[in-house]
Amino acid sequence: MGRSFVRRLLLVVAAGFLLSTSGVATPALAAGAGAPATVVGQAPKPPKPTALTIKSEGMADITVTAAEKPRLFADLLKEVSFLSEPGGQIAAPKPASLGRKFTVNIQYDNKPRFTYDLYPMANGGPKAFRPAAQPDKKKTSAAWYLGRMTMSEALRIAGAPIPEKPDVMSGGIGGGTRVIPEDSLPTGRDFDSLLAELRRLMLLNGGVVLVVLFMLAGVALIIRHRTR
């Protein structure tokens, strides 16, 4: 009788638990069916740039959009994405050492927000300048930066009249050139000798394992004879 009473009590508790959980979940599901799920405290996603325009004296403006040319747009954006950092990296260079200037305007929904001056052919490597006056009217300071080594190649692919640089190494937009000499690459003969060494090593290890097994078997036989 005691066991039957315990079973009935457990059944009653389980049934009550199921009814309570279903009663709570049903209104919640009904309320959530008609409204989109939201995450409490989730911040809205920041806007992303949609286009950029390259300007320079003596050439027509070049516009690259994220929708039409996403790969090229992303590569060009890398050339200026770090220029919003506070301060600067270098002192102002001499104007005669900068070479031709290319102004890049970053747009958000067809509205210019940032502008930067790029000097891909400057002496000592590419340079970049962030003017204090920005299209979005936000307060900032003028600053000079060292440009990326892929600056000239990125602008050239976009259509800017910049001569091609054949010495761009791997990591550039075009994939770069081979930086490992041909004679330093492993040959088929090297791989064959490596496989032969591996076979010898495996045979040697197998022989050692067999010797150890025979020794253990001998010790076991000796112990067995002595215990009789």
Protein backbone atom coordinates (compact mmCIF):
# COMPACT_ATOMS: atom_id res chain seq x y z
CA MET A 1 0.00 0.00 0.00
CA GLY A 2 2.89 2.32 0.76
CA ARG A 3 4.35 1.88 -2.73
CA SER A 4 0.99 2.56 -4.44
CA PHE A 5 0.54 5.73 -2.40
CA VAL A 6 3.99 6.99 -3.39
CA ARG A 7 3.30 6.27 -7.06
CA ARG A 8 -0.01 8.16 -6.95
CA LEU A 9 1.65 11.09 -5.23
CA LEU A 10 4.38 11.25 -7.89
CA LEU A 11 1.77 11.12 -10.67
CA VAL A 12 -0.19 13.99 -9.11
CA VAL A 13 2.96 16.13 -8.74
CA ALA A 14 4.04 15.43 -12.33
CA ALA A 15 0.59 16.26 -13.71
CA GLY A 16 0.48 19.52 -11.78
CA PHE A 17 3.94 20.48 -13.02
CA LEU A 18 2.97 19.83 -16.66
CA LEU A 19 -0.26 21.84 -16.34
CA SER A 20 1.51 24.79 -14.73
CA THR A 21 4.27 24.93 -17.35
CA SER A 22 1.83 24.60 -20.26
CA GLY A 23 -0.40 27.29 -18.81
CA VAL A 24 2.52 29.71 -18.54
CA ALA A 25 4.06 28.91 -21.92
CA THR A 26 0.84 29.14 -23.94
CA PRO A 27 0.14 32.86 -23.29
CA ALA A 28 3.79 33.68 -23.93
CA LEU A 29 3.75 31.87 -27.26
CA ALA A 30 0.46 33.47 -28.19
CA ALA A 31 1.80 36.91 -27.40
CA GLY A 32 5.04 36.30 -29.31
CA ALA A 33 3.32 34.93 -32.40
CA GLY A 34 2.08 38.33 -33.50
CA ALA A 35 5.20 40.37 -32.67
CA PRO A 36 8.82 40.07 -33.86
CA ALA A 37 11.38 38.83 -31.39
CA THR A 38 13.53 41.53 -29.85
CA VAL A 39 16.63 41.35 -27.72
CA VAL A 40 16.55 43.55 -24.66
CA GLY A 41 19.48 45.96 -24.53
CA GLN A 42 20.67 45.23 -28.07
CA ALA A 43 22.10 48.36 -29.68
CA PRO A 44 21.15 49.18 -33.27
CA LYS A 45 23.69 48.24 -35.90
CA PRO A 46 25.94 51.14 -36.93
CA PRO A 47 25.54 52.38 -40.51
CA LYS A 48 27.97 51.15 -43.12
CA PRO A 49 29.57 53.14 -45.95
CA THR A 50 27.84 52.62 -49.28
CA ALA A 51 30.12 54.38 -51.77
CA LEU A 52 33.33 56.35 -52.18
CA THR A 53 34.54 58.88 -54.71
CA ILE A 54 38.15 59.40 -55.83
CA LYS A 55 39.07 62.87 -57.08
CA SER A 56 42.30 64.27 -58.45
CA GLU A 57 43.36 67.14 -60.65
CA GLY A 58 43.34 66.28 -64.33
CA MET A 59 41.06 63.22 -64.15
CA ALA A 60 37.34 62.50 -64.01
CA ASP A 61 35.85 61.57 -60.66
CA ILE A 62 35.77 57.82 -59.93
CA THR A 63 32.86 56.44 -57.90
CA VAL A 64 32.93 52.91 -56.47
CA THR A 65 29.85 51.52 -54.71
CA ALA A 66 29.62 48.63 -52.28
CA ALA A 67 26.65 47.18 -54.17
CA GLU A 68 28.23 47.10 -57.64
CA LYS A 69 31.88 46.32 -56.80
CA PRO A 70 32.05 44.95 -53.23
CA ARG A 71 35.57 43.51 -53.55
CA LEU A 72 37.12 46.70 -54.91
CA PHE A 73 35.12 48.83 -52.48
CA ALA A 74 36.41 46.80 -49.51
CA ASP A 75 40.01 47.04 -50.77
CA LEU A 76 39.79 50.81 -51.14
CA LEU A 77 38.15 51.17 -47.75
CA LYS A 78 41.13 49.43 -46.13
CA GLU A 79 43.37 52.23 -47.37
CA VAL A 80 41.52 54.84 -45.27
CA SER A 81 39.78 52.90 -42.48
CA PHE A 82 42.58 53.57 -39.96
CA LEU A 83 42.74 57.32 -40.65
CA SER A 84 39.98 58.05 -38.13
CA GLU A 85 42.27 57.13 -35.23
CA PRO A 86 43.09 60.04 -32.91
CA GLY A 87 46.38 61.85 -33.28
CA GLY A 88 48.73 61.03 -36.10
CA GLN A 89 51.76 58.93 -36.96
CA ILE A 90 54.19 61.33 -38.61
CA ALA A 91 54.97 65.03 -38.86
CA ALA A 92 53.77 66.98 -41.86
CA PRO A 93 55.99 66.10 -44.86
CA LYS A 94 57.37 68.70 -47.23
CA PRO A 95 54.85 69.43 -50.02
CA ALA A 96 57.47 68.84 -52.72
CA SER A 97 57.96 65.25 -51.54
CA LEU A 98 54.31 64.19 -51.67
CA GLY A 99 53.62 63.90 -55.38
CA ARG A 100 50.13 63.73 -56.83
CA LYS A 101 47.16 63.99 -54.45
CA PHE A 102 44.06 61.80 -54.61
CA THR A 103 41.11 62.84 -52.43
CA VAL A 104 38.80 60.04 -51.26
CA ASN A 105 35.30 60.91 -50.03
CA ILE A 106 33.44 58.21 -48.07
CA GLN A 107 29.65 58.29 -48.45
CA TYR A 108 26.84 56.88 -46.31
CA ASP A 109 23.53 56.63 -48.20
CA ASN A 110 24.81 59.05 -50.86
CA LYS A 111 25.84 61.58 -48.21
CA PRO A 112 29.57 62.36 -47.78
CA ARG A 113 30.79 61.82 -44.23
CA PHE A 114 34.60 61.51 -44.35
CA THR A 115 37.29 62.87 -46.65
CA TYR A 116 40.99 61.94 -46.83
CA ASP A 117 43.93 62.93 -49.03
CA LEU A 118 46.12 60.08 -50.30
CA TYR A 119 49.62 60.44 -51.72
CA PRO A 120 50.56 57.03 -53.18
CA MET A 121 53.73 58.27 -54.91
CA ALA A 122 55.24 60.21 -52.00
CA ASN A 123 58.95 59.93 -51.26
CA GLY A 124 59.67 57.26 -48.68
CA GLY A 125 56.37 55.46 -49.19
CA PRO A 126 52.66 56.33 -49.39
CA LYS A 127 51.32 59.05 -47.10
CA ALA A 128 47.78 59.93 -46.02
CA PHE A 129 46.29 63.12 -44.58
CA ARG A 130 43.10 63.64 -42.59
CA PRO A 131 41.83 67.23 -42.89
CA ALA A 132 40.34 68.88 -39.83
CA ALA A 133 37.26 69.94 -41.82
CA GLN A 134 35.10 66.89 -42.48
CA PRO A 135 31.79 66.74 -44.40
CA ASP A 136 29.84 65.51 -41.37
CA LYS A 137 30.88 68.66 -39.43
CA LYS A 138 32.23 66.58 -36.53
CA LYS A 139 35.16 68.07 -34.67
CA THR A 140 38.49 66.42 -35.42
CA SER A 141 42.12 67.39 -35.91
CA ALA A 142 44.37 67.40 -38.93
CA ALA A 143 46.80 64.47 -38.91
CA TRP A 144 49.34 62.73 -41.14
CA TYR A 145 49.73 58.96 -41.42
CA LEU A 146 51.91 56.43 -43.15
CA GLY A 147 49.88 54.88 -45.95
CA ARG A 148 49.57 51.20 -46.76
CA MET A 149 52.00 49.80 -49.30
CA THR A 150 49.01 48.67 -51.41
CA MET A 151 47.67 52.23 -51.80
CA SER A 152 48.92 52.86 -55.33
CA GLU A 153 47.75 49.45 -56.55
CA ALA A 154 44.28 49.91 -55.05
CA LEU A 155 43.86 53.33 -56.65
CA ARG A 156 45.22 52.09 -59.97
CA ILE A 157 42.75 49.19 -60.10
CA ALA A 158 39.94 51.63 -59.35
CA GLY A 159 40.93 53.62 -62.45
CA ALA A 160 43.35 56.26 -61.20
CA PRO A 161 46.20 57.12 -63.63
CA ILE A 162 48.99 55.56 -61.57
CA PRO A 163 51.78 53.45 -63.13
CA GLU A 164 51.78 49.79 -62.15
CA LYS A 165 54.32 48.73 -59.53
CA PRO A 166 55.72 45.27 -60.32
CA ASP A 167 57.47 45.04 -56.94
CA VAL A 168 54.26 44.68 -54.92
CA MET A 169 54.67 41.57 -52.81
CA SER A 170 52.09 39.14 -51.46
CA GLY A 171 49.29 40.71 -49.47
CA GLY A 172 48.38 43.25 -52.14
CA ILE A 173 45.11 43.30 -54.04
CA GLY A 174 46.42 41.37 -57.01
CA GLY A 175 47.73 38.55 -54.88
CA GLY A 176 51.37 39.60 -55.17
CA THR A 177 54.32 37.75 -56.62
CA ARG A 178 56.26 34.72 -55.47
CA VAL A 179 58.59 35.59 -52.62
CA ILE A 180 60.11 32.09 -52.16
CA PRO A 181 62.95 31.21 -54.53
CA GLU A 182 62.31 28.26 -56.82
CA ASP A 183 65.44 26.41 -55.66
CA SER A 184 64.27 26.51 -52.03
CA LEU A 185 61.06 24.59 -52.73
CA PRO A 186 61.10 20.85 -51.90
CA THR A 187 61.45 18.47 -54.85
CA GLY A 188 60.00 15.00 -55.45
CA ARG A 189 63.32 13.38 -54.53
CA ASP A 190 63.24 15.05 -51.13
CA PHE A 191 59.77 13.66 -50.47
CA ASP A 192 60.88 10.15 -51.46
CA SER A 193 63.80 10.25 -49.04
CA LEU A 194 61.51 11.53 -46.31
CA LEU A 195 59.10 8.63 -46.85
CA ALA A 196 62.00 6.15 -46.77
CA GLU A 197 63.17 7.57 -43.45
CA LEU A 198 59.66 7.27 -42.05
CA ARG A 199 59.47 3.61 -43.11
CA ARG A 200 62.79 2.85 -41.40
CA LEU A 201 61.63 4.58 -38.25
CA MET A 202 58.37 2.60 -38.22
CA LEU A 203 60.22 -0.71 -38.70
CA LEU A 204 62.63 0.16 -35.91
CA ASN A 205 59.78 1.02 -33.57
CA GLY A 206 58.01 -2.22 -34.48
CA GLY A 207 61.13 -4.24 -33.66
CA VAL A 208 61.48 -2.54 -30.29
CA VAL A 209 57.84 -3.29 -29.47
CA LEU A 210 58.29 -6.98 -30.35
CA VAL A 211 61.40 -7.27 -28.16
CA VAL A 212 59.56 -5.70 -25.24
CA LEU A 213 56.63 -8.09 -25.72
CA PHE A 214 58.93 -11.13 -25.76
CA MET A 215 60.65 -9.91 -22.59
CA LEU A 216 57.31 -9.43 -20.84
CA ALA A 217 56.20 -12.90 -21.93
CA GLY A 218 59.42 -14.41 -20.57
CA VAL A 219 59.02 -12.63 -17.24
CA ALA A 220 55.42 -13.84 -17.03
CA LEU A 221 56.49 -17.44 -17.64
CA ILE A 222 59.20 -17.23 -14.99
CA ILE A 223 56.77 -15.83 -12.44
CA ARG A 224 54.22 -18.51 -13.30
CA HIS A 225 56.72 -21.33 -12.81
CA ARG A 226 57.90 -19.95 -9.46
CA THR A 227 54.39 -19.56 -8.11
CA ARG A 228 53.51 -23.21 -8.75
